[in-house]
Amino acid sequence: MRIGIAGVAGRMGRLLQEEVVAAGFVLSGGTLRPGSTKTIPAGVAQMPDAAALFAASDVVIDFTHAAEAVPHARLAAETGVPLVLGSSGLSAEQEAAVAQAARKAAVVYAANFSPGVNLVLALAERMATALPAAQYDAEIVEMHHRQKVDAPSGTAIAMGRAVAKGRGTTLEEAGMESGRDGHTGARGTGAIGFAALRGGQVVGEHTLLFASATEHIALTHRSFDRRVYATGAVRAAQWVRGRPPGLYSMMDVLGIG
């Protein structure tokens, strides 16, 4: 299987390159982000653009930037080449465009490709079903490295969506409470709270807290090495090849969707 990597010279791109080779697959090549001053890793074929990367690959993995997600998803739709998409910070409109493209190509889109995180998301939904919003406030605290540009993180939002789904609603309907400052008034019942911390080189820490008047329950996941995301993405690439068009998640890859 030939796997292409968008943004192969980036921090995640280099890990993906190593994991593709370690898994015994062929690295068809990679692209650099527009305007990047980084150099392509030795031995990797540099593609002139994303269209060439899709043409040379059986599956493409993209962990670049939210702005590239829709163009890459549309290339997947045009070529029929599956896409594994791990870029974070997509807007609702961008996610809708990715879903539209997935009608013509198989796309695995996840906020996080760590198996552990996806198991936590499954647990979060089940816990939310059992812990009613009227009695249990849901708060999500996440911390990442100081370079991260989006907040709350995609994984934190995925946690919020899992809680909302377990309670039979959506995150938008439940309401997000984040960035509290000053006299904000009492906490809204049923709303899902978010707190984003940034500092140092933390790979990723997420805690979901259910708090009632009589007990607190915390569910925490910590990532110590970004390689876990690369390993999961390569696993997703292997799984998605040959799948019919559709929008899949890492939970589908793990068989818990």
C-alpha atoms as a PDB file:
ATOM      1  CA  MET A   1       0.000   0.000   0.000  1.00  0.00           C
ATOM      2  CA  ARG A   2       1.290   3.449  -0.968  1.00  0.00           C
ATOM      3  CA  ILE A   3       0.718   6.119   1.667  1.00  0.00           C
ATOM      4  CA  GLY A   4       1.259   9.816   0.984  1.00  0.00           C
ATOM      5  CA  ILE A   5       1.802  12.378   3.721  1.00  0.00           C
ATOM      6  CA  ALA A   6       0.712  16.000   3.467  1.00  0.00           C
ATOM      7  CA  GLY A   7       3.106  18.247   5.365  1.00  0.00           C
ATOM      8  CA  VAL A   8       5.746  15.544   5.601  1.00  0.00           C
ATOM      9  CA  ALA A   9       8.420  17.918   6.935  1.00  0.00           C
ATOM     10  CA  GLY A  10       6.392  18.975   9.974  1.00  0.00           C
ATOM     11  CA  ARG A  11       6.617  17.555  13.464  1.00  0.00           C
ATOM     12  CA  MET A  12       3.758  15.116  12.896  1.00  0.00           C
ATOM     13  CA  GLY A  13       4.763  14.543   9.289  1.00  0.00           C
ATOM     14  CA  ARG A  14       8.147  13.150  10.283  1.00  0.00           C
ATOM     15  CA  LEU A  15       6.584  10.824  12.845  1.00  0.00           C
ATOM     16  CA  LEU A  16       4.080   9.652  10.245  1.00  0.00           C
ATOM     17  CA  GLN A  17       6.925   8.978   7.833  1.00  0.00           C
ATOM     18  CA  GLU A  18       8.655   6.776  10.415  1.00  0.00           C
ATOM     19  CA  GLU A  19       5.461   4.907  11.282  1.00  0.00           C
ATOM     20  CA  VAL A  20       4.567   4.246   7.632  1.00  0.00           C
ATOM     21  CA  VAL A  21       7.977   2.670   7.070  1.00  0.00           C
ATOM     22  CA  ALA A  22       7.856   0.756  10.381  1.00  0.00           C
ATOM     23  CA  ALA A  23       4.491  -0.727   9.413  1.00  0.00           C
ATOM     24  CA  GLY A  24       5.961  -2.040   6.157  1.00  0.00           C
ATOM     25  CA  PHE A  25       4.075   0.242   3.783  1.00  0.00           C
ATOM     26  CA  VAL A  26       5.442   2.294   0.885  1.00  0.00           C
ATOM     27  CA  LEU A  27       5.846   6.023   1.440  1.00  0.00           C
ATOM     28  CA  SER A  28       4.733   7.387  -1.915  1.00  0.00           C
ATOM     29  CA  GLY A  29       5.899  10.909  -1.139  1.00  0.00           C
ATOM     30  CA  GLY A  30       4.999  14.063   0.692  1.00  0.00           C
ATOM     31  CA  THR A  31       4.221  17.727   0.301  1.00  0.00           C
ATOM     32  CA  LEU A  32       5.344  20.831   2.133  1.00  0.00           C
ATOM     33  CA  ARG A  33       2.890  23.367   3.447  1.00  0.00           C
ATOM     34  CA  PRO A  34       2.667  26.416   1.159  1.00  0.00           C
ATOM     35  CA  GLY A  35       5.353  28.899   2.140  1.00  0.00           C
ATOM     36  CA  SER A  36       7.173  26.422   4.369  1.00  0.00           C
ATOM     37  CA  THR A  37      10.915  26.896   4.779  1.00  0.00           C
ATOM     38  CA  LYS A  38      11.421  23.344   6.033  1.00  0.00           C
ATOM     39  CA  THR A  39      13.284  20.755   4.015  1.00  0.00           C
ATOM     40  CA  ILE A  40      11.830  17.448   2.882  1.00  0.00           C
ATOM     41  CA  PRO A  41      13.233  14.452   4.822  1.00  0.00           C
ATOM     42  CA  ALA A  42      16.032  12.564   3.071  1.00  0.00           C
ATOM     43  CA  GLY A  43      14.820   9.795   0.799  1.00  0.00           C
ATOM     44  CA  VAL A  44      11.249  11.114   0.573  1.00  0.00           C
ATOM     45  CA  ALA A  45       9.889  12.079  -2.828  1.00  0.00           C
ATOM     46  CA  GLN A  46       8.701  15.681  -2.752  1.00  0.00           C
ATOM     47  CA  MET A  47       5.445  16.142  -4.642  1.00  0.00           C
ATOM     48  CA  PRO A  48       4.870  19.496  -6.364  1.00  0.00           C
ATOM     49  CA  ASP A  49       1.360  19.784  -4.955  1.00  0.00           C
ATOM     50  CA  ALA A  50      -1.415  17.886  -3.229  1.00  0.00           C
ATOM     51  CA  ALA A  51      -2.944  16.754  -6.534  1.00  0.00           C
ATOM     52  CA  ALA A  52       0.277  14.939  -7.414  1.00  0.00           C
ATOM     53  CA  LEU A  53       0.367  13.386  -3.937  1.00  0.00           C
ATOM     54  CA  PHE A  54      -3.132  11.950  -4.336  1.00  0.00           C
ATOM     55  CA  ALA A  55      -2.300  10.669  -7.816  1.00  0.00           C
ATOM     56  CA  ALA A  56       0.704   8.738  -6.446  1.00  0.00           C
ATOM     57  CA  SER A  57      -0.987   7.301  -3.351  1.00  0.00           C
ATOM     58  CA  ASP A  58      -3.483   4.659  -2.282  1.00  0.00           C
ATOM     59  CA  VAL A  59      -4.236   6.629   0.906  1.00  0.00           C
ATOM     60  CA  VAL A  60      -3.243  10.150   1.966  1.00  0.00           C
ATOM     61  CA  ILE A  61      -2.714  11.231   5.577  1.00  0.00           C
ATOM     62  CA  ASP A  62      -3.158  14.916   6.438  1.00  0.00           C
ATOM     63  CA  PHE A  63      -2.232  16.419   9.804  1.00  0.00           C
ATOM     64  CA  THR A  64      -1.386  19.867   8.443  1.00  0.00           C
ATOM     65  CA  HIS A  65      -3.759  22.770   9.065  1.00  0.00           C
ATOM     66  CA  ALA A  66      -7.493  23.370   9.116  1.00  0.00           C
ATOM     67  CA  ALA A  67      -7.187  25.557   5.993  1.00  0.00           C
ATOM     68  CA  GLU A  68      -5.937  22.557   3.990  1.00  0.00           C
ATOM     69  CA  ALA A  69      -8.637  20.123   5.142  1.00  0.00           C
ATOM     70  CA  VAL A  70     -11.319  21.078   2.622  1.00  0.00           C
ATOM     71  CA  PRO A  71      -9.028  21.230  -0.458  1.00  0.00           C
ATOM     72  CA  HIS A  72      -7.583  17.833   0.463  1.00  0.00           C
ATOM     73  CA  ALA A  73     -11.038  16.351   1.074  1.00  0.00           C
ATOM     74  CA  ARG A  74     -12.169  17.618  -2.328  1.00  0.00           C
ATOM     75  CA  LEU A  75      -9.134  16.013  -3.961  1.00  0.00           C
ATOM     76  CA  ALA A  76     -10.094  12.757  -2.262  1.00  0.00           C
ATOM     77  CA  ALA A  77     -13.596  13.098  -3.734  1.00  0.00           C
ATOM     78  CA  GLU A  78     -12.239  13.837  -7.205  1.00  0.00           C
ATOM     79  CA  THR A  79      -9.742  10.972  -7.230  1.00  0.00           C
ATOM     80  CA  GLY A  80     -11.484   8.414  -5.037  1.00  0.00           C
ATOM     81  CA  VAL A  81      -8.320   8.123  -2.926  1.00  0.00           C
ATOM     82  CA  PRO A  82      -9.136   7.688   0.789  1.00  0.00           C
ATOM     83  CA  LEU A  83      -8.085  10.429   3.195  1.00  0.00           C
ATOM     84  CA  VAL A  84      -7.073  10.161   6.848  1.00  0.00           C
ATOM     85  CA  LEU A  85      -7.647  13.634   8.263  1.00  0.00           C
ATOM     86  CA  GLY A  86      -6.245  14.641  11.645  1.00  0.00           C
ATOM     87  CA  SER A  87      -6.087  18.433  11.343  1.00  0.00           C
ATOM     88  CA  SER A  88      -7.691  20.210  14.300  1.00  0.00           C
ATOM     89  CA  GLY A  89      -9.622  23.439  14.660  1.00  0.00           C
ATOM     90  CA  LEU A  90     -12.008  22.942  11.723  1.00  0.00           C
ATOM     91  CA  SER A  91     -15.031  25.238  11.683  1.00  0.00           C
ATOM     92  CA  ALA A  92     -18.564  23.917  11.306  1.00  0.00           C
ATOM     93  CA  GLU A  93     -18.498  24.978   7.657  1.00  0.00           C
ATOM     94  CA  GLN A  94     -15.222  23.166   7.027  1.00  0.00           C
ATOM     95  CA  GLU A  95     -16.512  20.015   8.711  1.00  0.00           C
ATOM     96  CA  ALA A  96     -19.636  20.187   6.542  1.00  0.00           C
ATOM     97  CA  ALA A  97     -17.481  20.447   3.400  1.00  0.00           C
ATOM     98  CA  VAL A  98     -15.422  17.426   4.499  1.00  0.00           C
ATOM     99  CA  ALA A  99     -18.641  15.463   5.064  1.00  0.00           C
ATOM    100  CA  GLN A 100     -19.827  16.468   1.589  1.00  0.00           C
ATOM    101  CA  ALA A 101     -16.598  15.206   0.023  1.00  0.00           C
ATOM    102  CA  ALA A 102     -16.958  11.946   1.943  1.00  0.00           C
ATOM    103  CA  ARG A 103     -19.966  11.101  -0.204  1.00  0.00           C
ATOM    104  CA  LYS A 104     -17.508  10.296  -2.991  1.00  0.00           C
ATOM    105  CA  ALA A 105     -14.489   8.995  -1.075  1.00  0.00           C
ATOM    106  CA  ALA A 106     -13.726   7.256   2.192  1.00  0.00           C
ATOM    107  CA  VAL A 107     -12.560   9.775   4.793  1.00  0.00           C
ATOM    108  CA  VAL A 108     -11.445   8.974   8.335  1.00  0.00           C
ATOM    109  CA  TYR A 109     -11.763  12.201  10.291  1.00  0.00           C
ATOM    110  CA  ALA A 110     -11.015  12.311  13.996  1.00  0.00           C
ATOM    111  CA  ALA A 111     -10.157  14.934  16.572  1.00  0.00           C
ATOM    112  CA  ASN A 112      -7.629  12.502  17.988  1.00  0.00           C
ATOM    113  CA  PHE A 113      -6.138   9.273  16.611  1.00  0.00           C
ATOM    114  CA  SER A 114      -5.001   7.900  19.956  1.00  0.00           C
ATOM    115  CA  PRO A 115      -6.811   4.613  20.738  1.00  0.00           C
ATOM    116  CA  GLY A 116      -6.933   5.615  24.400  1.00  0.00           C
ATOM    117  CA  VAL A 117      -8.610   8.948  23.711  1.00  0.00           C
ATOM    118  CA  ASN A 118     -11.268   7.289  21.585  1.00  0.00           C
ATOM    119  CA  LEU A 119     -12.017   4.790  24.335  1.00  0.00           C
ATOM    120  CA  VAL A 120     -12.342   7.751  26.726  1.00  0.00           C
ATOM    121  CA  LEU A 121     -14.814   9.385  24.327  1.00  0.00           C
ATOM    122  CA  ALA A 122     -16.895   6.205  24.283  1.00  0.00           C
ATOM    123  CA  LEU A 123     -16.854   6.117  28.091  1.00  0.00           C
ATOM    124  CA  ALA A 124     -17.748   9.811  28.268  1.00  0.00           C
ATOM    125  CA  GLU A 125     -20.914   9.211  26.277  1.00  0.00           C
ATOM    126  CA  ARG A 126     -21.957   6.293  28.475  1.00  0.00           C
ATOM    127  CA  MET A 127     -21.239   8.231  31.658  1.00  0.00           C
ATOM    128  CA  ALA A 128     -23.247  11.207  30.440  1.00  0.00           C
ATOM    129  CA  THR A 129     -26.204   8.929  29.758  1.00  0.00           C
ATOM    130  CA  ALA A 130     -26.119   7.723  33.364  1.00  0.00           C
ATOM    131  CA  LEU A 131     -25.422  11.112  34.992  1.00  0.00           C
ATOM    132  CA  PRO A 132     -28.265  13.567  34.244  1.00  0.00           C
ATOM    133  CA  ALA A 133     -27.404  17.174  33.493  1.00  0.00           C
ATOM    134  CA  ALA A 134     -29.772  18.479  36.158  1.00  0.00           C
ATOM    135  CA  GLN A 135     -27.643  16.853  38.880  1.00  0.00           C
ATOM    136  CA  TYR A 136     -24.180  16.572  37.310  1.00  0.00           C
ATOM    137  CA  ASP A 137     -22.332  19.509  35.785  1.00  0.00           C
ATOM    138  CA  ALA A 138     -19.859  18.521  33.047  1.00  0.00           C
ATOM    139  CA  GLU A 139     -16.554  20.402  32.922  1.00  0.00           C
ATOM    140  CA  ILE A 140     -13.661  19.713  30.530  1.00  0.00           C
ATOM    141  CA  VAL A 141     -10.121  20.885  31.276  1.00  0.00           C
ATOM    142  CA  GLU A 142      -7.377  20.531  28.679  1.00  0.00           C
ATOM    143  CA  MET A 143      -3.720  21.528  28.515  1.00  0.00           C
ATOM    144  CA  HIS A 144      -1.384  21.658  25.523  1.00  0.00           C
ATOM    145  CA  HIS A 145       1.974  23.061  24.503  1.00  0.00           C
ATOM    146  CA  ARG A 146       2.365  26.804  24.153  1.00  0.00           C
ATOM    147  CA  GLN A 147       2.460  26.674  20.320  1.00  0.00           C
ATOM    148  CA  LYS A 148      -1.085  25.304  19.903  1.00  0.00           C
ATOM    149  CA  VAL A 149      -3.199  27.853  18.072  1.00  0.00           C
ATOM    150  CA  ASP A 150      -6.773  26.623  18.655  1.00  0.00           C
ATOM    151  CA  ALA A 151      -8.730  26.468  21.910  1.00  0.00           C
ATOM    152  CA  PRO A 152     -10.536  24.543  23.198  1.00  0.00           C
ATOM    153  CA  SER A 153      -8.700  21.662  21.578  1.00  0.00           C
ATOM    154  CA  GLY A 154     -10.409  19.428  19.044  1.00  0.00           C
ATOM    155  CA  THR A 155     -10.261  16.564  21.527  1.00  0.00           C
ATOM    156  CA  ALA A 156     -11.905  18.677  24.230  1.00  0.00           C
ATOM    157  CA  ILE A 157     -14.705  19.593  21.847  1.00  0.00           C
ATOM    158  CA  ALA A 158     -15.065  15.911  20.926  1.00  0.00           C
ATOM    159  CA  MET A 159     -15.447  15.159  24.644  1.00  0.00           C
ATOM    160  CA  GLY A 160     -18.135  17.821  24.871  1.00  0.00           C
ATOM    161  CA  ARG A 161     -19.949  16.351  21.900  1.00  0.00           C
ATOM    162  CA  ALA A 162     -19.768  12.882  23.453  1.00  0.00           C
ATOM    163  CA  VAL A 163     -21.301  14.197  26.690  1.00  0.00           C
ATOM    164  CA  ALA A 164     -24.043  16.003  24.775  1.00  0.00           C
ATOM    165  CA  LYS A 165     -24.799  12.919  22.691  1.00  0.00           C
ATOM    166  CA  GLY A 166     -25.069  10.799  25.815  1.00  0.00           C
ATOM    167  CA  ARG A 167     -27.626  13.278  27.121  1.00  0.00           C
ATOM    168  CA  GLY A 168     -29.653  13.213  23.927  1.00  0.00           C
ATOM    169  CA  THR A 169     -28.692  16.645  22.645  1.00  0.00           C
ATOM    170  CA  THR A 170     -25.910  18.431  20.780  1.00  0.00           C
ATOM    171  CA  LEU A 171     -23.071  20.563  22.075  1.00  0.00           C
ATOM    172  CA  GLU A 172     -24.564  23.584  20.344  1.00  0.00           C
ATOM    173  CA  GLU A 173     -27.947  23.016  21.999  1.00  0.00           C
ATOM    174  CA  ALA A 174     -26.468  22.279  25.425  1.00  0.00           C
ATOM    175  CA  GLY A 175     -24.275  25.374  25.268  1.00  0.00           C
ATOM    176  CA  MET A 176     -20.555  25.841  25.804  1.00  0.00           C
ATOM    177  CA  GLU A 177     -19.262  27.784  28.783  1.00  0.00           C
ATOM    178  CA  SER A 178     -15.627  28.746  28.270  1.00  0.00           C
ATOM    179  CA  GLY A 179     -13.303  31.614  29.021  1.00  0.00           C
ATOM    180  CA  ARG A 180     -15.106  32.613  32.226  1.00  0.00           C
ATOM    181  CA  ASP A 181     -13.879  35.964  33.517  1.00  0.00           C
ATOM    182  CA  GLY A 182     -15.338  38.506  35.906  1.00  0.00           C
ATOM    183  CA  HIS A 183     -18.975  38.438  37.002  1.00  0.00           C
ATOM    184  CA  THR A 184     -20.365  35.821  34.649  1.00  0.00           C
ATOM    185  CA  GLY A 185     -23.388  34.859  36.717  1.00  0.00           C
ATOM    186  CA  ALA A 186     -24.299  31.385  37.912  1.00  0.00           C
ATOM    187  CA  ARG A 187     -23.347  28.363  35.876  1.00  0.00           C
ATOM    188  CA  GLY A 188     -26.010  27.323  33.401  1.00  0.00           C
ATOM    189  CA  THR A 189     -27.685  23.976  34.080  1.00  0.00           C
ATOM    190  CA  GLY A 190     -26.923  21.509  31.314  1.00  0.00           C
ATOM    191  CA  ALA A 191     -24.200  23.650  29.769  1.00  0.00           C
ATOM    192  CA  ILE A 192     -20.806  22.017  29.184  1.00  0.00           C
ATOM    193  CA  GLY A 193     -17.834  23.929  30.538  1.00  0.00           C
ATOM    194  CA  PHE A 194     -14.397  24.212  28.960  1.00  0.00           C
ATOM    195  CA  ALA A 195     -11.075  25.464  30.315  1.00  0.00           C
ATOM    196  CA  ALA A 196      -7.995  25.609  28.082  1.00  0.00           C
ATOM    197  CA  LEU A 197      -4.487  25.781  29.558  1.00  0.00           C
ATOM    198  CA  ARG A 198      -1.356  26.445  27.477  1.00  0.00           C
ATOM    199  CA  GLY A 199       2.266  26.161  28.519  1.00  0.00           C
ATOM    200  CA  GLY A 200       5.577  24.418  28.028  1.00  0.00           C
ATOM    201  CA  GLN A 201       5.613  21.421  25.719  1.00  0.00           C
ATOM    202  CA  VAL A 202       2.665  19.392  27.036  1.00  0.00           C
ATOM    203  CA  VAL A 203       1.623  16.937  24.320  1.00  0.00           C
ATOM    204  CA  GLY A 204      -1.961  16.730  25.493  1.00  0.00           C
ATOM    205  CA  GLU A 205      -3.929  16.322  28.714  1.00  0.00           C
ATOM    206  CA  HIS A 206      -7.716  16.126  28.931  1.00  0.00           C
ATOM    207  CA  THR A 207      -9.941  15.680  31.974  1.00  0.00           C
ATOM    208  CA  LEU A 208     -13.720  15.343  31.940  1.00  0.00           C
ATOM    209  CA  LEU A 209     -15.246  16.101  35.322  1.00  0.00           C
ATOM    210  CA  PHE A 210     -18.826  15.316  36.338  1.00  0.00           C
ATOM    211  CA  ALA A 211     -19.620  17.306  39.477  1.00  0.00           C
ATOM    212  CA  SER A 212     -22.729  16.993  41.618  1.00  0.00           C
ATOM    213  CA  ALA A 213     -23.526  18.231  45.098  1.00  0.00           C
ATOM    214  CA  THR A 214     -22.549  14.844  46.546  1.00  0.00           C
ATOM    215  CA  GLU A 215     -19.733  13.465  44.372  1.00  0.00           C
ATOM    216  CA  HIS A 216     -17.174  14.204  41.667  1.00  0.00           C
ATOM    217  CA  ILE A 217     -16.152  11.753  38.937  1.00  0.00           C
ATOM    218  CA  ALA A 218     -13.089  12.474  36.775  1.00  0.00           C
ATOM    219  CA  LEU A 219     -12.015  10.802  33.554  1.00  0.00           C
ATOM    220  CA  THR A 220      -8.476  11.731  32.444  1.00  0.00           C
ATOM    221  CA  HIS A 221      -6.254  10.958  29.475  1.00  0.00           C
ATOM    222  CA  ARG A 222      -2.632  12.065  29.121  1.00  0.00           C
ATOM    223  CA  SER A 223      -0.483  11.764  26.005  1.00  0.00           C
ATOM    224  CA  PHE A 224       3.273  11.648  26.556  1.00  0.00           C
ATOM    225  CA  ASP A 225       4.425  11.166  22.963  1.00  0.00           C
ATOM    226  CA  ARG A 226       2.904  12.419  19.692  1.00  0.00           C
ATOM    227  CA  ARG A 227       3.873   9.128  18.115  1.00  0.00           C
ATOM    228  CA  VAL A 228       0.649   7.619  19.437  1.00  0.00           C
ATOM    229  CA  TYR A 229      -1.259   9.841  16.982  1.00  0.00           C
ATOM    230  CA  ALA A 230       0.965   8.790  14.078  1.00  0.00           C
ATOM    231  CA  THR A 231       0.621   5.091  14.909  1.00  0.00           C
ATOM    232  CA  GLY A 232      -3.158   5.470  15.079  1.00  0.00           C
ATOM    233  CA  ALA A 233      -3.298   7.356  11.774  1.00  0.00           C
ATOM    234  CA  VAL A 234      -1.306   4.655   9.959  1.00  0.00           C
ATOM    235  CA  ARG A 235      -3.642   2.070  11.457  1.00  0.00           C
ATOM    236  CA  ALA A 236      -6.559   4.094  10.107  1.00  0.00           C
ATOM    237  CA  ALA A 237      -4.924   4.278   6.673  1.00  0.00           C
ATOM    238  CA  GLN A 238      -4.603   0.501   6.567  1.00  0.00           C
ATOM    239  CA  TRP A 239      -8.240   0.095   7.658  1.00  0.00           C
ATOM    240  CA  VAL A 240      -9.784   2.620   5.259  1.00  0.00           C
ATOM    241  CA  ARG A 241      -8.276   1.299   2.029  1.00  0.00           C
ATOM    242  CA  GLY A 242     -11.015  -0.378   0.004  1.00  0.00           C
ATOM    243  CA  ARG A 243     -13.836   1.019   2.137  1.00  0.00           C
ATOM    244  CA  PRO A 244     -16.859   2.531   0.381  1.00  0.00           C
ATOM    245  CA  PRO A 245     -17.285   6.310   0.395  1.00  0.00           C
ATOM    246  CA  GLY A 246     -18.303   7.687   3.749  1.00  0.00           C
ATOM    247  CA  LEU A 247     -17.230   9.729   6.735  1.00  0.00           C
ATOM    248  CA  TYR A 248     -15.615   7.422   9.270  1.00  0.00           C
ATOM    249  CA  SER A 249     -14.136   8.007  12.707  1.00  0.00           C
ATOM    250  CA  MET A 250     -11.305   6.467  14.679  1.00  0.00           C
ATOM    251  CA  MET A 251     -13.971   4.659  16.663  1.00  0.00           C
ATOM    252  CA  ASP A 252     -14.977   2.910  13.442  1.00  0.00           C
ATOM    253  CA  VAL A 253     -11.331   1.900  12.945  1.00  0.00           C
ATOM    254  CA  LEU A 254     -11.212   0.495  16.471  1.00  0.00           C
ATOM    255  CA  GLY A 255     -14.540  -1.276  16.095  1.00  0.00           C
ATOM    256  CA  ILE A 256     -16.255   0.671  18.872  1.00  0.00           C
ATOM    257  CA  GLY A 257     -18.188   3.131  16.735  1.00  0.00           C
END
